[in-house]
Amino acid sequence: MRSIFDYLDYRDVLKDAFEDRKAQDPDYTYRQLAQALGMHPSNMHHLLQKKRHLPARCQANAVEFLALKDRTAAYFLLLVSYARERAARNRREILEKAMALRDVHRFELG
């Protein structure tokens, strides 16, 4: 999977993580992913098709499933907030915070 900072939609992160897991274990299913995230299995497909959002109660589970820590976890959660936010001004502010984290990451890599 690519770096978390290469993504602008959290659902793409989850989809790629699912596909990576599926490549390692061909028996891995949407149902198992839904269970890991704490979601109802019927919503998993809609989430990955970008028709629904990750429920707030499942965000910590997603961070754990993706094994994100510190800045990567903060970036992921900002992407979730960005996707869920409806007000243009708030979306812009959230995106600016996410881009600042991404820029710090790229600066550290050199």
Protein backbone atom coordinates (compact mmCIF):
# COMPACT_ATOMS: atom_id res chain seq x y z
CA MET A 1 0.00 0.00 0.00
CA ARG A 2 1.13 3.54 -0.72
CA SER A 3 1.97 6.04 1.98
CA ILE A 4 -1.10 7.38 3.77
CA PHE A 5 0.02 10.86 2.69
CA ASP A 6 -0.51 9.93 -0.97
CA TYR A 7 -4.28 9.76 -0.42
CA LEU A 8 -6.92 12.48 -0.34
CA ASP A 9 -9.90 10.19 0.32
CA TYR A 10 -9.87 7.94 3.37
CA ARG A 11 -12.06 5.41 1.57
CA ASP A 12 -9.29 4.82 -0.96
CA VAL A 13 -6.98 4.03 1.96
CA LEU A 14 -9.43 1.45 3.28
CA LYS A 15 -10.02 -0.02 -0.18
CA ASP A 16 -6.29 -0.42 -0.83
CA ALA A 17 -5.78 -1.92 2.64
CA PHE A 18 -8.58 -4.39 1.92
CA GLU A 19 -7.06 -5.30 -1.45
CA ASP A 20 -3.63 -5.80 0.16
CA ARG A 21 -5.15 -8.04 2.81
CA LYS A 22 -7.11 -9.92 0.14
CA ALA A 23 -3.89 -10.47 -1.87
CA GLN A 24 -2.27 -12.01 1.21
CA ASP A 25 -5.36 -14.03 2.14
CA PRO A 26 -7.73 -14.77 -0.77
CA ASP A 27 -10.42 -15.79 1.74
CA TYR A 28 -10.50 -12.31 3.34
CA THR A 29 -13.95 -10.75 2.90
CA TYR A 30 -15.82 -7.47 3.23
CA ARG A 31 -17.55 -9.08 6.20
CA GLN A 32 -14.20 -9.51 7.98
CA LEU A 33 -13.19 -5.95 7.20
CA ALA A 34 -16.55 -4.70 8.47
CA GLN A 35 -16.04 -6.68 11.66
CA ALA A 36 -12.55 -5.21 12.13
CA LEU A 37 -13.96 -1.71 11.69
CA GLY A 38 -16.99 -2.35 13.88
CA MET A 39 -19.45 -1.79 11.03
CA HIS A 40 -22.43 -3.72 9.79
CA PRO A 41 -21.31 -5.86 6.82
CA SER A 42 -24.07 -4.52 4.55
CA ASN A 43 -22.54 -1.04 4.76
CA MET A 44 -18.97 -2.07 3.90
CA HIS A 45 -19.48 -2.28 0.14
CA HIS A 46 -21.22 1.11 0.11
CA LEU A 47 -18.37 2.64 2.07
CA LEU A 48 -15.73 1.39 -0.36
CA GLN A 49 -17.89 2.56 -3.29
CA LYS A 50 -17.88 6.04 -1.68
CA LYS A 51 -21.65 6.02 -1.22
CA ARG A 52 -21.45 6.12 2.59
CA HIS A 53 -19.06 7.36 5.24
CA LEU A 54 -17.25 5.64 8.06
CA PRO A 55 -19.33 6.10 11.21
CA ALA A 56 -17.66 8.19 13.90
CA ARG A 57 -17.78 5.24 16.30
CA CYS A 58 -15.65 3.19 13.85
CA GLN A 59 -12.85 5.68 13.25
CA ALA A 60 -10.61 4.45 16.07
CA ASN A 61 -11.05 0.88 14.81
CA ALA A 62 -10.01 1.98 11.32
CA VAL A 63 -6.87 3.64 12.70
CA GLU A 64 -6.05 0.42 14.54
CA PHE A 65 -6.81 -1.77 11.51
CA LEU A 66 -4.52 0.37 9.35
CA ALA A 67 -1.85 0.37 12.10
CA LEU A 68 -1.58 4.16 11.99
CA LYS A 69 0.18 6.13 14.69
CA ASP A 70 0.70 9.78 15.58
CA ARG A 71 0.84 11.94 12.44
CA THR A 72 -0.45 9.22 10.09
CA ALA A 73 -3.45 8.63 12.34
CA ALA A 74 -4.12 12.38 12.56
CA TYR A 75 -3.91 12.67 8.77
CA PHE A 76 -6.36 9.79 8.27
CA LEU A 77 -8.82 11.31 10.73
CA LEU A 78 -8.55 14.67 8.97
CA LEU A 79 -9.37 12.94 5.69
CA VAL A 80 -12.45 11.42 7.32
CA SER A 81 -13.50 14.84 8.65
CA TYR A 82 -12.86 16.44 5.27
CA ALA A 83 -15.04 13.91 3.45
CA ARG A 84 -17.87 14.20 5.96
CA GLU A 85 -17.89 18.00 6.27
CA ARG A 86 -20.48 19.85 4.18
CA ALA A 87 -19.57 23.48 4.78
CA ALA A 88 -17.07 24.69 2.17
CA ARG A 89 -15.17 26.92 4.61
CA ASN A 90 -14.74 24.11 7.14
CA ARG A 91 -13.73 21.66 4.40
CA ARG A 92 -11.03 24.08 3.25
CA GLU A 93 -9.69 24.49 6.81
CA ILE A 94 -9.60 20.73 7.35
CA LEU A 95 -7.84 20.19 4.04
CA GLU A 96 -5.27 22.86 4.91
CA LYS A 97 -4.49 21.06 8.18
CA ALA A 98 -4.13 17.75 6.32
CA MET A 99 -1.83 19.32 3.72
CA ALA A 100 0.31 20.82 6.50
CA LEU A 101 0.79 17.33 7.98
CA ARG A 102 1.62 15.94 4.55
CA ASP A 103 4.12 18.73 3.89
CA VAL A 104 5.86 18.09 7.21
CA HIS A 105 6.11 14.40 6.29
CA ARG A 106 7.61 15.17 2.89
CA PHE A 107 10.04 17.67 4.41
CA GLU A 108 11.24 15.05 6.88
CA LEU A 109 11.84 12.57 4.04
CA GLY A 110 14.03 15.14 2.41
